[in-house]
Amino acid sequence: MNVIERRRYTRISLHVQAEFMSQGRSWPCQAIDLSLHGALVSRPRGWEGELGERCTLRFRLDEGTSIQMVGILRHQDSDALGWQCTGIDLDSMGELRRLIELNLGEPAFLRRDLAEMMRKHMNAGAGSPGKA
């Protein structure tokens, strides 16, 4: 099964400035795509991380608006890093939901993704987001 077949969440293309905090420093990057499950970002020059590494990601949408999530590095190549979302605050979830609704144009896809995310977190016993 390839990566596309395994994906359960709808991704939206989102080319905005982003950063992630890892290894005791902030790494500027560019968002490539975003979903309720995680994000794909450009790989910053000089960054050498390990799969399973934790971080906090922040995406700057416009002046004063951002999405922040806690994540774990799940895949990487020479150009991009794939982060799985393990925690997100309510304000960021609201912004992400609004972005997905605007980009999909079909509320049924968003409802399906939200239901899947809730089912996954309820089964895992996830309460509050972890720290990076």
N, C-alpha and C. Protein backbone atom coordinates (compact mmCIF):
# COMPACT_ATOMS: atom_id res chain seq x y z
N MET A 1 0.85 -1.17 0.00
CA MET A 1 0.00 0.00 0.00
C MET A 1 0.90 1.23 0.00
N ASN A 2 0.67 2.17 -0.90
CA ASN A 2 1.50 3.36 -0.94
C ASN A 2 0.94 4.44 -0.03
N VAL A 3 1.70 5.56 0.11
CA VAL A 3 1.34 6.63 1.04
C VAL A 3 -0.04 7.20 0.72
N ILE A 4 -0.35 7.42 -0.54
CA ILE A 4 -1.64 8.01 -0.91
C ILE A 4 -2.79 7.10 -0.51
N GLU A 5 -2.64 5.78 -0.67
CA GLU A 5 -3.69 4.84 -0.29
C GLU A 5 -3.91 4.81 1.21
N ARG A 6 -2.86 5.05 2.01
CA ARG A 6 -2.97 5.01 3.47
C ARG A 6 -3.59 6.27 4.05
N ARG A 7 -3.61 7.37 3.32
CA ARG A 7 -4.12 8.63 3.86
C ARG A 7 -5.61 8.55 4.10
N ARG A 8 -6.03 9.02 5.29
CA ARG A 8 -7.44 9.03 5.65
C ARG A 8 -8.00 10.44 5.67
N TYR A 9 -7.14 11.44 5.66
CA TYR A 9 -7.57 12.82 5.80
C TYR A 9 -7.33 13.59 4.51
N THR A 10 -8.25 14.49 4.20
CA THR A 10 -8.13 15.32 3.02
C THR A 10 -7.05 16.38 3.25
N ARG A 11 -6.14 16.49 2.32
CA ARG A 11 -5.07 17.49 2.40
C ARG A 11 -5.41 18.68 1.52
N ILE A 12 -5.01 19.86 2.00
CA ILE A 12 -5.16 21.06 1.19
C ILE A 12 -3.78 21.63 0.92
N SER A 13 -3.60 22.14 -0.28
CA SER A 13 -2.36 22.79 -0.63
C SER A 13 -2.34 24.15 0.06
N LEU A 14 -1.27 24.43 0.78
CA LEU A 14 -1.20 25.66 1.57
C LEU A 14 0.23 26.16 1.54
N HIS A 15 0.49 27.17 0.75
CA HIS A 15 1.85 27.69 0.61
C HIS A 15 1.98 28.97 1.41
N VAL A 16 2.25 28.80 2.72
CA VAL A 16 2.44 29.94 3.62
C VAL A 16 3.72 29.73 4.41
N GLN A 17 4.21 30.83 4.99
CA GLN A 17 5.37 30.74 5.85
C GLN A 17 5.03 29.92 7.08
N ALA A 18 5.98 29.11 7.50
CA ALA A 18 5.78 28.27 8.68
C ALA A 18 7.10 28.18 9.42
N GLU A 19 7.03 27.59 10.60
CA GLU A 19 8.23 27.31 11.36
C GLU A 19 7.92 26.14 12.28
N PHE A 20 8.96 25.44 12.66
CA PHE A 20 8.77 24.41 13.68
C PHE A 20 9.89 24.56 14.69
N MET A 21 9.55 24.26 15.95
CA MET A 21 10.48 24.35 17.04
C MET A 21 10.91 22.94 17.40
N SER A 22 12.21 22.69 17.25
CA SER A 22 12.77 21.37 17.50
C SER A 22 14.25 21.54 17.78
N GLN A 23 14.81 20.62 18.54
CA GLN A 23 16.24 20.63 18.84
C GLN A 23 16.67 21.94 19.51
N GLY A 24 15.75 22.54 20.26
CA GLY A 24 16.08 23.76 20.99
C GLY A 24 16.17 25.01 20.14
N ARG A 25 15.65 24.96 18.93
CA ARG A 25 15.68 26.15 18.09
C ARG A 25 14.49 26.19 17.15
N SER A 26 14.27 27.34 16.54
CA SER A 26 13.18 27.54 15.59
C SER A 26 13.72 27.40 14.17
N TRP A 27 13.00 26.60 13.36
CA TRP A 27 13.43 26.34 11.98
C TRP A 27 12.39 26.92 11.01
N PRO A 28 12.74 27.97 10.25
CA PRO A 28 11.79 28.51 9.27
C PRO A 28 11.63 27.55 8.09
N CYS A 29 10.41 27.46 7.58
CA CYS A 29 10.14 26.58 6.45
C CYS A 29 8.91 27.10 5.71
N GLN A 30 8.53 26.40 4.67
CA GLN A 30 7.37 26.74 3.86
C GLN A 30 6.38 25.59 3.96
N ALA A 31 5.12 25.89 4.26
CA ALA A 31 4.10 24.85 4.27
C ALA A 31 3.85 24.40 2.83
N ILE A 32 3.64 23.12 2.64
CA ILE A 32 3.32 22.57 1.33
C ILE A 32 1.87 22.11 1.32
N ASP A 33 1.48 21.31 2.31
CA ASP A 33 0.07 20.96 2.48
C ASP A 33 -0.22 20.69 3.94
N LEU A 34 -1.51 20.68 4.24
CA LEU A 34 -1.98 20.60 5.62
C LEU A 34 -3.26 19.80 5.67
N SER A 35 -3.43 19.04 6.75
CA SER A 35 -4.67 18.28 6.96
C SER A 35 -4.94 18.22 8.46
N LEU A 36 -6.05 17.61 8.83
CA LEU A 36 -6.34 17.41 10.25
C LEU A 36 -5.34 16.44 10.88
N HIS A 37 -4.68 15.66 10.04
CA HIS A 37 -3.76 14.63 10.53
C HIS A 37 -2.31 15.11 10.61
N GLY A 38 -1.96 16.18 9.90
CA GLY A 38 -0.58 16.62 9.92
C GLY A 38 -0.26 17.60 8.82
N ALA A 39 1.04 17.71 8.53
CA ALA A 39 1.49 18.71 7.56
C ALA A 39 2.75 18.23 6.85
N LEU A 40 2.90 18.74 5.65
CA LEU A 40 4.12 18.55 4.88
C LEU A 40 4.74 19.92 4.72
N VAL A 41 6.01 20.07 5.10
CA VAL A 41 6.70 21.35 5.01
C VAL A 41 8.04 21.16 4.30
N SER A 42 8.57 22.28 3.79
CA SER A 42 9.89 22.21 3.18
C SER A 42 10.94 21.92 4.25
N ARG A 43 12.00 21.26 3.84
CA ARG A 43 13.08 20.91 4.76
C ARG A 43 14.04 22.10 4.86
N PRO A 44 14.20 22.64 6.07
CA PRO A 44 15.12 23.77 6.22
C PRO A 44 16.58 23.36 5.99
N ARG A 45 17.34 24.25 5.44
CA ARG A 45 18.76 24.00 5.22
C ARG A 45 19.46 23.78 6.57
N GLY A 46 20.25 22.73 6.64
CA GLY A 46 21.02 22.46 7.85
C GLY A 46 20.30 21.63 8.90
N TRP A 47 19.03 21.31 8.67
CA TRP A 47 18.28 20.54 9.66
C TRP A 47 18.53 19.05 9.46
N GLU A 48 18.93 18.38 10.53
CA GLU A 48 19.14 16.93 10.51
C GLU A 48 18.36 16.35 11.68
N GLY A 49 17.23 15.76 11.42
CA GLY A 49 16.41 15.20 12.49
C GLY A 49 16.17 13.72 12.27
N GLU A 50 15.63 13.10 13.27
CA GLU A 50 15.35 11.66 13.25
C GLU A 50 13.85 11.42 13.19
N LEU A 51 13.43 10.35 12.52
CA LEU A 51 12.03 9.96 12.55
C LEU A 51 11.62 9.75 14.00
N GLY A 52 10.41 10.18 14.34
CA GLY A 52 9.93 10.08 15.71
C GLY A 52 10.21 11.32 16.54
N GLU A 53 10.99 12.25 15.99
CA GLU A 53 11.29 13.49 16.70
C GLU A 53 10.03 14.33 16.88
N ARG A 54 9.89 14.99 18.01
CA ARG A 54 8.72 15.83 18.31
C ARG A 54 9.04 17.29 18.04
N CYS A 55 7.98 18.04 17.71
CA CYS A 55 8.14 19.47 17.47
C CYS A 55 6.82 20.19 17.69
N THR A 56 6.87 21.50 17.67
CA THR A 56 5.69 22.35 17.61
C THR A 56 5.76 23.08 16.27
N LEU A 57 4.69 22.99 15.49
CA LEU A 57 4.63 23.65 14.18
C LEU A 57 3.72 24.87 14.27
N ARG A 58 4.08 25.94 13.56
CA ARG A 58 3.24 27.13 13.49
C ARG A 58 3.17 27.59 12.03
N PHE A 59 1.94 27.80 11.57
CA PHE A 59 1.68 28.25 10.20
C PHE A 59 1.08 29.65 10.28
N ARG A 60 1.69 30.62 9.61
CA ARG A 60 1.20 32.00 9.63
C ARG A 60 0.27 32.22 8.44
N LEU A 61 -1.02 32.38 8.73
CA LEU A 61 -2.01 32.51 7.67
C LEU A 61 -2.12 33.95 7.18
N ASP A 62 -2.23 34.88 8.09
CA ASP A 62 -2.25 36.30 7.76
C ASP A 62 -1.88 37.04 9.03
N GLU A 63 -1.95 38.36 9.02
CA GLU A 63 -1.56 39.12 10.20
C GLU A 63 -2.39 38.71 11.41
N GLY A 64 -1.71 38.18 12.41
CA GLY A 64 -2.37 37.82 13.65
C GLY A 64 -3.06 36.46 13.66
N THR A 65 -3.17 35.78 12.53
CA THR A 65 -3.84 34.49 12.49
C THR A 65 -2.82 33.40 12.19
N SER A 66 -2.87 32.35 13.01
CA SER A 66 -1.95 31.24 12.78
C SER A 66 -2.59 29.94 13.25
N ILE A 67 -2.01 28.86 12.81
CA ILE A 67 -2.39 27.52 13.25
C ILE A 67 -1.16 26.92 13.91
N GLN A 68 -1.34 26.38 15.11
CA GLN A 68 -0.22 25.75 15.81
C GLN A 68 -0.62 24.34 16.19
N MET A 69 0.30 23.41 15.97
CA MET A 69 0.06 22.01 16.34
C MET A 69 1.34 21.37 16.84
N VAL A 70 1.18 20.33 17.63
CA VAL A 70 2.30 19.52 18.10
C VAL A 70 2.38 18.33 17.16
N GLY A 71 3.60 17.94 16.78
CA GLY A 71 3.72 16.86 15.82
C GLY A 71 4.92 15.95 16.05
N ILE A 72 4.89 14.84 15.34
CA ILE A 72 5.98 13.85 15.34
C ILE A 72 6.41 13.67 13.88
N LEU A 73 7.72 13.69 13.65
CA LEU A 73 8.25 13.49 12.30
C LEU A 73 8.02 12.05 11.87
N ARG A 74 7.26 11.87 10.77
CA ARG A 74 6.93 10.53 10.28
C ARG A 74 7.66 10.16 9.00
N HIS A 75 8.01 11.16 8.18
CA HIS A 75 8.82 10.86 6.99
C HIS A 75 9.59 12.10 6.59
N GLN A 76 10.70 11.86 5.88
CA GLN A 76 11.53 12.95 5.41
C GLN A 76 12.28 12.53 4.16
N ASP A 77 12.55 13.52 3.34
CA ASP A 77 13.44 13.32 2.20
C ASP A 77 14.28 14.58 2.06
N SER A 78 15.01 14.71 0.98
CA SER A 78 15.93 15.84 0.86
C SER A 78 15.22 17.18 0.74
N ASP A 79 13.92 17.18 0.36
CA ASP A 79 13.20 18.43 0.15
C ASP A 79 12.09 18.71 1.16
N ALA A 80 11.55 17.69 1.82
CA ALA A 80 10.35 17.89 2.63
C ALA A 80 10.35 17.03 3.89
N LEU A 81 9.56 17.50 4.88
CA LEU A 81 9.37 16.79 6.15
C LEU A 81 7.88 16.57 6.35
N GLY A 82 7.50 15.37 6.71
CA GLY A 82 6.10 15.04 6.97
C GLY A 82 5.87 14.87 8.46
N TRP A 83 5.03 15.73 9.03
CA TRP A 83 4.74 15.72 10.46
C TRP A 83 3.34 15.21 10.72
N GLN A 84 3.18 14.29 11.65
CA GLN A 84 1.87 13.81 12.08
C GLN A 84 1.43 14.66 13.27
N CYS A 85 0.21 15.19 13.21
CA CYS A 85 -0.32 16.01 14.29
C CYS A 85 -0.70 15.12 15.48
N THR A 86 -0.17 15.45 16.66
CA THR A 86 -0.52 14.72 17.88
C THR A 86 -1.28 15.59 18.86
N GLY A 87 -1.39 16.88 18.57
CA GLY A 87 -2.13 17.79 19.44
C GLY A 87 -2.35 19.13 18.76
N ILE A 88 -3.53 19.71 19.02
CA ILE A 88 -3.86 21.01 18.44
C ILE A 88 -4.85 21.71 19.37
N ASP A 89 -4.67 23.01 19.58
CA ASP A 89 -5.58 23.73 20.47
C ASP A 89 -6.87 24.07 19.72
N LEU A 90 -7.90 24.45 20.46
CA LEU A 90 -9.21 24.71 19.85
C LEU A 90 -9.20 25.86 18.86
N ASP A 91 -8.48 26.94 19.14
CA ASP A 91 -8.42 28.06 18.20
C ASP A 91 -7.79 27.63 16.88
N SER A 92 -6.69 26.89 16.98
CA SER A 92 -6.02 26.42 15.76
C SER A 92 -6.92 25.43 15.01
N MET A 93 -7.62 24.57 15.74
CA MET A 93 -8.54 23.63 15.09
C MET A 93 -9.63 24.38 14.34
N GLY A 94 -10.14 25.44 14.94
CA GLY A 94 -11.16 26.25 14.27
C GLY A 94 -10.64 26.88 12.99
N GLU A 95 -9.43 27.41 13.02
CA GLU A 95 -8.83 28.00 11.81
C GLU A 95 -8.58 26.95 10.75
N LEU A 96 -8.09 25.79 11.16
CA LEU A 96 -7.83 24.71 10.22
C LEU A 96 -9.13 24.22 9.59
N ARG A 97 -10.16 24.09 10.40
CA ARG A 97 -11.45 23.67 9.88
C ARG A 97 -11.98 24.67 8.85
N ARG A 98 -11.87 25.96 9.16
CA ARG A 98 -12.32 27.01 8.24
C ARG A 98 -11.55 26.93 6.92
N LEU A 99 -10.23 26.74 7.00
CA LEU A 99 -9.40 26.63 5.79
C LEU A 99 -9.82 25.43 4.93
N ILE A 100 -10.04 24.30 5.59
CA ILE A 100 -10.42 23.10 4.85
C ILE A 100 -11.78 23.29 4.20
N GLU A 101 -12.73 23.87 4.92
CA GLU A 101 -14.06 24.13 4.35
C GLU A 101 -13.95 25.01 3.12
N LEU A 102 -13.15 26.08 3.21
CA LEU A 102 -13.00 27.00 2.08
C LEU A 102 -12.35 26.33 0.88
N ASN A 103 -11.39 25.47 1.13
CA ASN A 103 -10.65 24.83 0.04
C ASN A 103 -11.36 23.63 -0.56
N LEU A 104 -12.13 22.92 0.23
CA LEU A 104 -12.81 21.73 -0.29
C LEU A 104 -14.11 22.06 -1.00
N GLY A 105 -14.84 23.02 -0.46
CA GLY A 105 -16.13 23.36 -1.04
C GLY A 105 -17.18 22.27 -0.84
N GLU A 106 -16.84 21.22 -0.10
CA GLU A 106 -17.76 20.11 0.13
C GLU A 106 -17.73 19.73 1.62
N PRO A 107 -18.72 20.18 2.40
CA PRO A 107 -18.73 19.92 3.84
C PRO A 107 -18.70 18.43 4.21
N ALA A 108 -19.19 17.55 3.35
CA ALA A 108 -19.21 16.12 3.68
C ALA A 108 -17.80 15.57 3.88
N PHE A 109 -16.83 16.05 3.10
CA PHE A 109 -15.45 15.60 3.25
C PHE A 109 -14.90 16.02 4.61
N LEU A 110 -15.18 17.24 5.02
CA LEU A 110 -14.70 17.72 6.30
C LEU A 110 -15.36 16.95 7.44
N ARG A 111 -16.66 16.72 7.37
CA ARG A 111 -17.34 15.95 8.41
C ARG A 111 -16.75 14.55 8.53
N ARG A 112 -16.45 13.92 7.40
CA ARG A 112 -15.84 12.59 7.42
C ARG A 112 -14.47 12.64 8.10
N ASP A 113 -13.65 13.63 7.76
CA ASP A 113 -12.32 13.76 8.35
C ASP A 113 -12.40 14.03 9.85
N LEU A 114 -13.31 14.91 10.26
CA LEU A 114 -13.47 15.21 11.69
C LEU A 114 -13.94 13.98 12.46
N ALA A 115 -14.87 13.23 11.90
CA ALA A 115 -15.36 12.02 12.56
C ALA A 115 -14.24 11.00 12.71
N GLU A 116 -13.43 10.83 11.68
CA GLU A 116 -12.30 9.90 11.74
C GLU A 116 -11.29 10.33 12.79
N MET A 117 -10.99 11.63 12.85
CA MET A 117 -10.05 12.14 13.83
C MET A 117 -10.57 11.90 15.25
N MET A 118 -11.84 12.20 15.48
CA MET A 118 -12.42 12.01 16.81
C MET A 118 -12.41 10.52 17.20
N ARG A 119 -12.75 9.66 16.26
CA ARG A 119 -12.75 8.22 16.52
C ARG A 119 -11.34 7.75 16.90
N LYS A 120 -10.36 8.21 16.17
CA LYS A 120 -8.98 7.82 16.43
C LYS A 120 -8.53 8.27 17.81
N HIS A 121 -8.82 9.53 18.15
CA HIS A 121 -8.38 10.06 19.44
C HIS A 121 -9.16 9.45 20.61
N MET A 122 -10.42 9.16 20.41
CA MET A 122 -11.21 8.53 21.47
C MET A 122 -10.72 7.10 21.72
N ASN A 123 -10.39 6.39 20.67
CA ASN A 123 -9.88 5.01 20.82
C ASN A 123 -8.51 4.98 21.47
N ALA A 124 -7.72 6.03 21.21
CA ALA A 124 -6.37 6.09 21.77
C ALA A 124 -6.39 6.66 23.18
N GLY A 125 -7.53 7.20 23.61
CA GLY A 125 -7.62 7.79 24.94
C GLY A 125 -6.91 9.12 25.05
N ALA A 126 -6.74 9.79 23.90
CA ALA A 126 -6.06 11.09 23.90
C ALA A 126 -6.94 12.13 24.57
N GLY A 127 -6.36 12.83 25.53
CA GLY A 127 -7.09 13.87 26.23
C GLY A 127 -6.64 15.24 25.78
N SER A 128 -5.46 15.62 26.18
CA SER A 128 -4.94 16.94 25.85
C SER A 128 -3.68 16.80 25.03
N PRO A 129 -3.36 17.81 24.23
CA PRO A 129 -2.17 17.72 23.40
C PRO A 129 -0.91 17.61 24.24
N GLY A 130 0.05 16.85 23.72
CA GLY A 130 1.32 16.70 24.41
C GLY A 130 2.23 17.87 24.15
N LYS A 131 3.34 17.90 24.85
CA LYS A 131 4.33 18.94 24.68
C LYS A 131 5.39 18.47 23.70
N ALA A 132 5.94 19.42 22.97
CA ALA A 132 7.00 19.08 22.03
C ALA A 132 8.32 18.99 22.74
